[in-house]
Amino acid sequence: MNKGPNGDLYLTIQVVDHGHYQRKSDDLYCKIDVDLYTALLGGQTIVGTPRNPVKMTISKETDSGKRLIMKGMGMP
């Protein structure tokens, strides 16, 4: 048994990438697929968030690659 003073324990924390979300600061990014009908005519789609699925409105004539924002749904 060591009779000297206790030493320090150093830990290095690394956040592992998530398979669906990409994190940039406190913002989360993900790609979702929207069917052509909804992209052209508008409608709603379900988006999975870390907390729960959320219904999101897609505007008519939404271009492929358009970035939509869901306020307050990123990291705390």
PDB file of N, CA and C in Angstrom:
ATOM      1  N   MET A   1       0.852  -1.183   0.000  1.00  0.00           N
ATOM      2  CA  MET A   1       0.000   0.000   0.000  1.00  0.00           C
ATOM      3  C   MET A   1       0.889   1.235   0.000  1.00  0.00           C
ATOM      4  N   ASN A   2       0.546   2.202  -0.855  1.00  0.00           N
ATOM      5  CA  ASN A   2       1.306   3.439  -0.957  1.00  0.00           C
ATOM      6  C   ASN A   2       0.963   4.341   0.224  1.00  0.00           C
ATOM      7  N   LYS A   3       1.957   4.801   0.957  1.00  0.00           N
ATOM      8  CA  LYS A   3       1.732   5.640   2.134  1.00  0.00           C
ATOM      9  C   LYS A   3       1.922   7.122   1.822  1.00  0.00           C
ATOM     10  N   GLY A   4       2.241   7.475   0.549  1.00  0.00           N
ATOM     11  CA  GLY A   4       2.455   8.870   0.168  1.00  0.00           C
ATOM     12  C   GLY A   4       1.131   9.586  -0.103  1.00  0.00           C
ATOM     13  N   PRO A   5       1.198  10.874  -0.444  1.00  0.00           N
ATOM     14  CA  PRO A   5      -0.017  11.641  -0.722  1.00  0.00           C
ATOM     15  C   PRO A   5      -0.668  11.159  -2.020  1.00  0.00           C
ATOM     16  N   ASN A   6      -1.975  11.322  -2.066  1.00  0.00           N
ATOM     17  CA  ASN A   6      -2.708  10.946  -3.275  1.00  0.00           C
ATOM     18  C   ASN A   6      -2.360  11.902  -4.416  1.00  0.00           C
ATOM     19  N   GLY A   7      -2.298  11.365  -5.620  1.00  0.00           N
ATOM     20  CA  GLY A   7      -2.028  12.176  -6.807  1.00  0.00           C
ATOM     21  C   GLY A   7      -3.329  12.674  -7.433  1.00  0.00           C
ATOM     22  N   ASP A   8      -3.200  13.313  -8.572  1.00  0.00           N
ATOM     23  CA  ASP A   8      -4.350  13.846  -9.294  1.00  0.00           C
ATOM     24  C   ASP A   8      -4.774  12.869 -10.384  1.00  0.00           C
ATOM     25  N   LEU A   9      -6.043  12.926 -10.749  1.00  0.00           N
ATOM     26  CA  LEU A   9      -6.573  12.146 -11.855  1.00  0.00           C
ATOM     27  C   LEU A   9      -6.969  13.131 -12.946  1.00  0.00           C
ATOM     28  N   TYR A  10      -6.401  12.992 -14.131  1.00  0.00           N
ATOM     29  CA  TYR A  10      -6.706  13.864 -15.258  1.00  0.00           C
ATOM     30  C   TYR A  10      -7.552  13.096 -16.263  1.00  0.00           C
ATOM     31  N   LEU A  11      -8.675  13.668 -16.662  1.00  0.00           N
ATOM     32  CA  LEU A  11      -9.556  13.055 -17.648  1.00  0.00           C
ATOM     33  C   LEU A  11      -9.629  13.943 -18.883  1.00  0.00           C
ATOM     34  N   THR A  12      -9.646  13.340 -20.036  1.00  0.00           N
ATOM     35  CA  THR A  12      -9.861  14.062 -21.283  1.00  0.00           C
ATOM     36  C   THR A  12     -11.205  13.622 -21.827  1.00  0.00           C
ATOM     37  N   ILE A  13     -12.112  14.597 -21.984  1.00  0.00           N
ATOM     38  CA  ILE A  13     -13.461  14.308 -22.461  1.00  0.00           C
ATOM     39  C   ILE A  13     -13.530  14.620 -23.946  1.00  0.00           C
ATOM     40  N   GLN A  14     -14.066  13.699 -24.720  1.00  0.00           N
ATOM     41  CA  GLN A  14     -14.247  13.911 -26.150  1.00  0.00           C
ATOM     42  C   GLN A  14     -15.679  13.532 -26.498  1.00  0.00           C
ATOM     43  N   VAL A  15     -16.404  14.490 -27.093  1.00  0.00           N
ATOM     44  CA  VAL A  15     -17.774  14.233 -27.507  1.00  0.00           C
ATOM     45  C   VAL A  15     -17.738  13.432 -28.802  1.00  0.00           C
ATOM     46  N   VAL A  16     -18.406  12.303 -28.810  1.00  0.00           N
ATOM     47  CA  VAL A  16     -18.428  11.418 -29.966  1.00  0.00           C
ATOM     48  C   VAL A  16     -19.459  11.929 -30.968  1.00  0.00           C
ATOM     49  N   ASP A  17     -19.124  11.858 -32.244  1.00  0.00           N
ATOM     50  CA  ASP A  17     -20.062  12.269 -33.279  1.00  0.00           C
ATOM     51  C   ASP A  17     -21.320  11.409 -33.226  1.00  0.00           C
ATOM     52  N   HIS A  18     -22.449  12.056 -33.488  1.00  0.00           N
ATOM     53  CA  HIS A  18     -23.728  11.368 -33.545  1.00  0.00           C
ATOM     54  C   HIS A  18     -23.969  10.950 -34.989  1.00  0.00           C
ATOM     55  N   GLY A  19     -24.645   9.869 -35.196  1.00  0.00           N
ATOM     56  CA  GLY A  19     -24.882   9.392 -36.551  1.00  0.00           C
ATOM     57  C   GLY A  19     -25.828  10.255 -37.363  1.00  0.00           C
ATOM     58  N   HIS A  20     -26.699  11.021 -36.703  1.00  0.00           N
ATOM     59  CA  HIS A  20     -27.719  11.797 -37.413  1.00  0.00           C
ATOM     60  C   HIS A  20     -27.452  13.298 -37.361  1.00  0.00           C
ATOM     61  N   TYR A  21     -26.905  13.786 -36.263  1.00  0.00           N
ATOM     62  CA  TYR A  21     -26.704  15.221 -36.075  1.00  0.00           C
ATOM     63  C   TYR A  21     -25.227  15.584 -36.181  1.00  0.00           C
ATOM     64  N   GLN A  22     -24.982  16.787 -36.679  1.00  0.00           N
ATOM     65  CA  GLN A  22     -23.630  17.341 -36.686  1.00  0.00           C
ATOM     66  C   GLN A  22     -23.690  18.591 -35.813  1.00  0.00           C
ATOM     67  N   ARG A  23     -22.771  18.718 -34.868  1.00  0.00           N
ATOM     68  CA  ARG A  23     -22.784  19.835 -33.936  1.00  0.00           C
ATOM     69  C   ARG A  23     -21.777  20.897 -34.341  1.00  0.00           C
ATOM     70  N   LYS A  24     -22.231  22.157 -34.360  1.00  0.00           N
ATOM     71  CA  LYS A  24     -21.377  23.317 -34.569  1.00  0.00           C
ATOM     72  C   LYS A  24     -21.742  24.304 -33.473  1.00  0.00           C
ATOM     73  N   SER A  25     -20.862  24.426 -32.479  1.00  0.00           N
ATOM     74  CA  SER A  25     -21.131  25.241 -31.285  1.00  0.00           C
ATOM     75  C   SER A  25     -22.368  24.663 -30.591  1.00  0.00           C
ATOM     76  N   ASP A  26     -23.378  25.462 -30.348  1.00  0.00           N
ATOM     77  CA  ASP A  26     -24.606  24.965 -29.710  1.00  0.00           C
ATOM     78  C   ASP A  26     -25.681  24.613 -30.728  1.00  0.00           C
ATOM     79  N   ASP A  27     -25.367  24.706 -32.014  1.00  0.00           N
ATOM     80  CA  ASP A  27     -26.325  24.405 -33.070  1.00  0.00           C
ATOM     81  C   ASP A  27     -26.160  22.963 -33.537  1.00  0.00           C
ATOM     82  N   LEU A  28     -27.273  22.335 -33.874  1.00  0.00           N
ATOM     83  CA  LEU A  28     -27.269  20.987 -34.426  1.00  0.00           C
ATOM     84  C   LEU A  28     -27.753  21.045 -35.866  1.00  0.00           C
ATOM     85  N   TYR A  29     -27.108  20.274 -36.731  1.00  0.00           N
ATOM     86  CA  TYR A  29     -27.478  20.218 -38.144  1.00  0.00           C
ATOM     87  C   TYR A  29     -27.822  18.786 -38.502  1.00  0.00           C
ATOM     88  N   CYS A  30     -28.831  18.609 -39.338  1.00  0.00           N
ATOM     89  CA  CYS A  30     -29.151  17.288 -39.878  1.00  0.00           C
ATOM     90  C   CYS A  30     -29.789  17.476 -41.245  1.00  0.00           C
ATOM     91  N   LYS A  31     -29.746  16.443 -42.043  1.00  0.00           N
ATOM     92  CA  LYS A  31     -30.368  16.456 -43.356  1.00  0.00           C
ATOM     93  C   LYS A  31     -31.634  15.624 -43.280  1.00  0.00           C
ATOM     94  N   ILE A  32     -32.692  16.148 -43.892  1.00  0.00           N
ATOM     95  CA  ILE A  32     -33.942  15.393 -43.940  1.00  0.00           C
ATOM     96  C   ILE A  32     -34.361  15.261 -45.402  1.00  0.00           C
ATOM     97  N   ASP A  33     -35.052  14.194 -45.703  1.00  0.00           N
ATOM     98  CA  ASP A  33     -35.596  13.984 -47.036  1.00  0.00           C
ATOM     99  C   ASP A  33     -37.048  14.446 -47.052  1.00  0.00           C
ATOM    100  N   VAL A  34     -37.394  15.206 -48.076  1.00  0.00           N
ATOM    101  CA  VAL A  34     -38.770  15.660 -48.262  1.00  0.00           C
ATOM    102  C   VAL A  34     -39.192  15.208 -49.648  1.00  0.00           C
ATOM    103  N   ASP A  35     -40.380  14.629 -49.762  1.00  0.00           N
ATOM    104  CA  ASP A  35     -40.830  14.162 -51.068  1.00  0.00           C
ATOM    105  C   ASP A  35     -41.082  15.343 -52.004  1.00  0.00           C
ATOM    106  N   LEU A  36     -40.994  15.085 -53.288  1.00  0.00           N
ATOM    107  CA  LEU A  36     -41.124  16.119 -54.303  1.00  0.00           C
ATOM    108  C   LEU A  36     -42.454  16.868 -54.188  1.00  0.00           C
ATOM    109  N   TYR A  37     -43.510  16.161 -53.932  1.00  0.00           N
ATOM    110  CA  TYR A  37     -44.840  16.755 -53.789  1.00  0.00           C
ATOM    111  C   TYR A  37     -44.838  17.833 -52.694  1.00  0.00           C
ATOM    112  N   THR A  38     -44.274  17.535 -51.529  1.00  0.00           N
ATOM    113  CA  THR A  38     -44.222  18.486 -50.418  1.00  0.00           C
ATOM    114  C   THR A  38     -43.300  19.660 -50.738  1.00  0.00           C
ATOM    115  N   ALA A  39     -42.173  19.399 -51.391  1.00  0.00           N
ATOM    116  CA  ALA A  39     -41.238  20.470 -51.748  1.00  0.00           C
ATOM    117  C   ALA A  39     -41.862  21.437 -52.758  1.00  0.00           C
ATOM    118  N   LEU A  40     -42.643  20.925 -53.688  1.00  0.00           N
ATOM    119  CA  LEU A  40     -43.254  21.784 -54.704  1.00  0.00           C
ATOM    120  C   LEU A  40     -44.489  22.522 -54.209  1.00  0.00           C
ATOM    121  N   LEU A  41     -45.363  21.804 -53.515  1.00  0.00           N
ATOM    122  CA  LEU A  41     -46.651  22.382 -53.116  1.00  0.00           C
ATOM    123  C   LEU A  41     -46.697  22.865 -51.676  1.00  0.00           C
ATOM    124  N   GLY A  42     -45.671  22.552 -50.901  1.00  0.00           N
ATOM    125  CA  GLY A  42     -45.665  22.899 -49.482  1.00  0.00           C
ATOM    126  C   GLY A  42     -46.395  21.842 -48.679  1.00  0.00           C
ATOM    127  N   GLY A  43     -46.176  21.863 -47.392  1.00  0.00           N
ATOM    128  CA  GLY A  43     -46.818  20.887 -46.511  1.00  0.00           C
ATOM    129  C   GLY A  43     -46.036  20.749 -45.224  1.00  0.00           C
ATOM    130  N   GLN A  44     -46.235  19.627 -44.575  1.00  0.00           N
ATOM    131  CA  GLN A  44     -45.559  19.392 -43.303  1.00  0.00           C
ATOM    132  C   GLN A  44     -44.800  18.082 -43.356  1.00  0.00           C
ATOM    133  N   THR A  45     -43.743  18.028 -42.568  1.00  0.00           N
ATOM    134  CA  THR A  45     -42.960  16.802 -42.414  1.00  0.00           C
ATOM    135  C   THR A  45     -42.581  16.680 -40.941  1.00  0.00           C
ATOM    136  N   ILE A  46     -42.279  15.492 -40.519  1.00  0.00           N
ATOM    137  CA  ILE A  46     -41.849  15.245 -39.141  1.00  0.00           C
ATOM    138  C   ILE A  46     -40.326  15.251 -39.106  1.00  0.00           C
ATOM    139  N   VAL A  47     -39.767  16.027 -38.183  1.00  0.00           N
ATOM    140  CA  VAL A  47     -38.319  16.110 -38.007  1.00  0.00           C
ATOM    141  C   VAL A  47     -37.976  15.550 -36.634  1.00  0.00           C
ATOM    142  N   GLY A  48     -37.092  14.567 -36.600  1.00  0.00           N
ATOM    143  CA  GLY A  48     -36.637  14.009 -35.325  1.00  0.00           C
ATOM    144  C   GLY A  48     -35.653  14.961 -34.662  1.00  0.00           C
ATOM    145  N   THR A  49     -35.918  15.342 -33.422  1.00  0.00           N
ATOM    146  CA  THR A  49     -35.007  16.180 -32.654  1.00  0.00           C
ATOM    147  C   THR A  49     -34.489  15.358 -31.481  1.00  0.00           C
ATOM    148  N   PRO A  50     -33.451  15.828 -30.800  1.00  0.00           N
ATOM    149  CA  PRO A  50     -32.951  15.067 -29.642  1.00  0.00           C
ATOM    150  C   PRO A  50     -34.010  14.877 -28.556  1.00  0.00           C
ATOM    151  N   ARG A  51     -34.964  15.780 -28.462  1.00  0.00           N
ATOM    152  CA  ARG A  51     -35.989  15.680 -27.409  1.00  0.00           C
ATOM    153  C   ARG A  51     -37.179  14.843 -27.849  1.00  0.00           C
ATOM    154  N   ASN A  52     -37.749  15.180 -29.013  1.00  0.00           N
ATOM    155  CA  ASN A  52     -38.915  14.459 -29.525  1.00  0.00           C
ATOM    156  C   ASN A  52     -39.160  14.875 -30.974  1.00  0.00           C
ATOM    157  N   PRO A  53     -39.934  14.105 -31.719  1.00  0.00           N
ATOM    158  CA  PRO A  53     -40.242  14.491 -33.100  1.00  0.00           C
ATOM    159  C   PRO A  53     -41.087  15.769 -33.126  1.00  0.00           C
ATOM    160  N   VAL A  54     -40.815  16.620 -34.127  1.00  0.00           N
ATOM    161  CA  VAL A  54     -41.516  17.893 -34.257  1.00  0.00           C
ATOM    162  C   VAL A  54     -42.050  18.012 -35.679  1.00  0.00           C
ATOM    163  N   LYS A  55     -43.285  18.509 -35.802  1.00  0.00           N
ATOM    164  CA  LYS A  55     -43.877  18.745 -37.110  1.00  0.00           C
ATOM    165  C   LYS A  55     -43.375  20.091 -37.636  1.00  0.00           C
ATOM    166  N   MET A  56     -42.832  20.096 -38.854  1.00  0.00           N
ATOM    167  CA  MET A  56     -42.282  21.310 -39.443  1.00  0.00           C
ATOM    168  C   MET A  56     -42.989  21.607 -40.751  1.00  0.00           C
ATOM    169  N   THR A  57     -43.304  22.886 -40.965  1.00  0.00           N
ATOM    170  CA  THR A  57     -43.960  23.315 -42.195  1.00  0.00           C
ATOM    171  C   THR A  57     -42.911  23.620 -43.252  1.00  0.00           C
ATOM    172  N   ILE A  58     -43.109  23.048 -44.432  1.00  0.00           N
ATOM    173  CA  ILE A  58     -42.240  23.279 -45.579  1.00  0.00           C
ATOM    174  C   ILE A  58     -42.994  24.213 -46.525  1.00  0.00           C
ATOM    175  N   SER A  59     -42.377  25.348 -46.858  1.00  0.00           N
ATOM    176  CA  SER A  59     -43.004  26.305 -47.776  1.00  0.00           C
ATOM    177  C   SER A  59     -43.058  25.737 -49.182  1.00  0.00           C
ATOM    178  N   LYS A  60     -44.040  26.183 -49.967  1.00  0.00           N
ATOM    179  CA  LYS A  60     -44.121  25.701 -51.347  1.00  0.00           C
ATOM    180  C   LYS A  60     -42.912  26.195 -52.135  1.00  0.00           C
ATOM    181  N   GLU A  61     -42.533  25.410 -53.135  1.00  0.00           N
ATOM    182  CA  GLU A  61     -41.394  25.679 -54.010  1.00  0.00           C
ATOM    183  C   GLU A  61     -40.072  25.793 -53.240  1.00  0.00           C
ATOM    184  N   THR A  62     -39.898  24.957 -52.220  1.00  0.00           N
ATOM    185  CA  THR A  62     -38.655  24.918 -51.453  1.00  0.00           C
ATOM    186  C   THR A  62     -37.571  24.247 -52.286  1.00  0.00           C
ATOM    187  N   ASP A  63     -36.434  24.919 -52.427  1.00  0.00           N
ATOM    188  CA  ASP A  63     -35.318  24.388 -53.207  1.00  0.00           C
ATOM    189  C   ASP A  63     -34.593  23.287 -52.442  1.00  0.00           C
ATOM    190  N   SER A  64     -34.024  22.352 -53.197  1.00  0.00           N
ATOM    191  CA  SER A  64     -33.190  21.317 -52.606  1.00  0.00           C
ATOM    192  C   SER A  64     -31.969  21.972 -51.962  1.00  0.00           C
ATOM    193  N   GLY A  65     -31.611  21.553 -50.774  1.00  0.00           N
ATOM    194  CA  GLY A  65     -30.458  22.099 -50.070  1.00  0.00           C
ATOM    195  C   GLY A  65     -30.769  23.315 -49.214  1.00  0.00           C
ATOM    196  N   LYS A  66     -32.023  23.775 -49.216  1.00  0.00           N
ATOM    197  CA  LYS A  66     -32.389  24.947 -48.417  1.00  0.00           C
ATOM    198  C   LYS A  66     -32.227  24.625 -46.934  1.00  0.00           C
ATOM    199  N   ARG A  67     -31.696  25.580 -46.179  1.00  0.00           N
ATOM    200  CA  ARG A  67     -31.488  25.419 -44.740  1.00  0.00           C
ATOM    201  C   ARG A  67     -32.678  26.043 -43.999  1.00  0.00           C
ATOM    202  N   LEU A  68     -33.327  25.261 -43.165  1.00  0.00           N
ATOM    203  CA  LEU A  68     -34.431  25.729 -42.340  1.00  0.00           C
ATOM    204  C   LEU A  68     -33.981  25.715 -40.885  1.00  0.00           C
ATOM    205  N   ILE A  69     -34.479  26.655 -40.106  1.00  0.00           N
ATOM    206  CA  ILE A  69     -34.048  26.790 -38.715  1.00  0.00           C
ATOM    207  C   ILE A  69     -35.207  26.457 -37.786  1.00  0.00           C
ATOM    208  N   MET A  70     -34.913  25.650 -36.755  1.00  0.00           N
ATOM    209  CA  MET A  70     -35.869  25.383 -35.681  1.00  0.00           C
ATOM    210  C   MET A  70     -35.294  26.008 -34.421  1.00  0.00           C
ATOM    211  N   LYS A  71     -35.769  27.180 -34.084  1.00  0.00           N
ATOM    212  CA  LYS A  71     -35.242  27.950 -32.936  1.00  0.00           C
ATOM    213  C   LYS A  71     -35.386  27.151 -31.632  1.00  0.00           C
ATOM    214  N   GLY A  72     -34.325  27.207 -30.825  1.00  0.00           N
ATOM    215  CA  GLY A  72     -34.362  26.600 -29.501  1.00  0.00           C
ATOM    216  C   GLY A  72     -34.270  25.094 -29.455  1.00  0.00           C
ATOM    217  N   MET A  73     -33.992  24.441 -30.579  1.00  0.00           N
ATOM    218  CA  MET A  73     -33.953  22.977 -30.598  1.00  0.00           C
ATOM    219  C   MET A  73     -32.531  22.411 -30.593  1.00  0.00           C
ATOM    220  N   GLY A  74     -31.536  23.282 -30.450  1.00  0.00           N
ATOM    221  CA  GLY A  74     -30.144  22.827 -30.420  1.00  0.00           C
ATOM    222  C   GLY A  74     -29.723  22.413 -29.024  1.00  0.00           C
ATOM    223  N   MET A  75     -28.433  22.504 -28.755  1.00  0.00           N
ATOM    224  CA  MET A  75     -27.891  22.128 -27.449  1.00  0.00           C
ATOM    225  C   MET A  75     -28.244  23.184 -26.409  1.00  0.00           C
ATOM    226  N   PRO A  76     -28.421  22.783 -25.159  1.00  0.00           N
ATOM    227  CA  PRO A  76     -28.725  23.760 -24.112  1.00  0.00           C
ATOM    228  C   PRO A  76     -27.532  24.659 -23.820  1.00  0.00           C
TER     229      PRO A  76
END
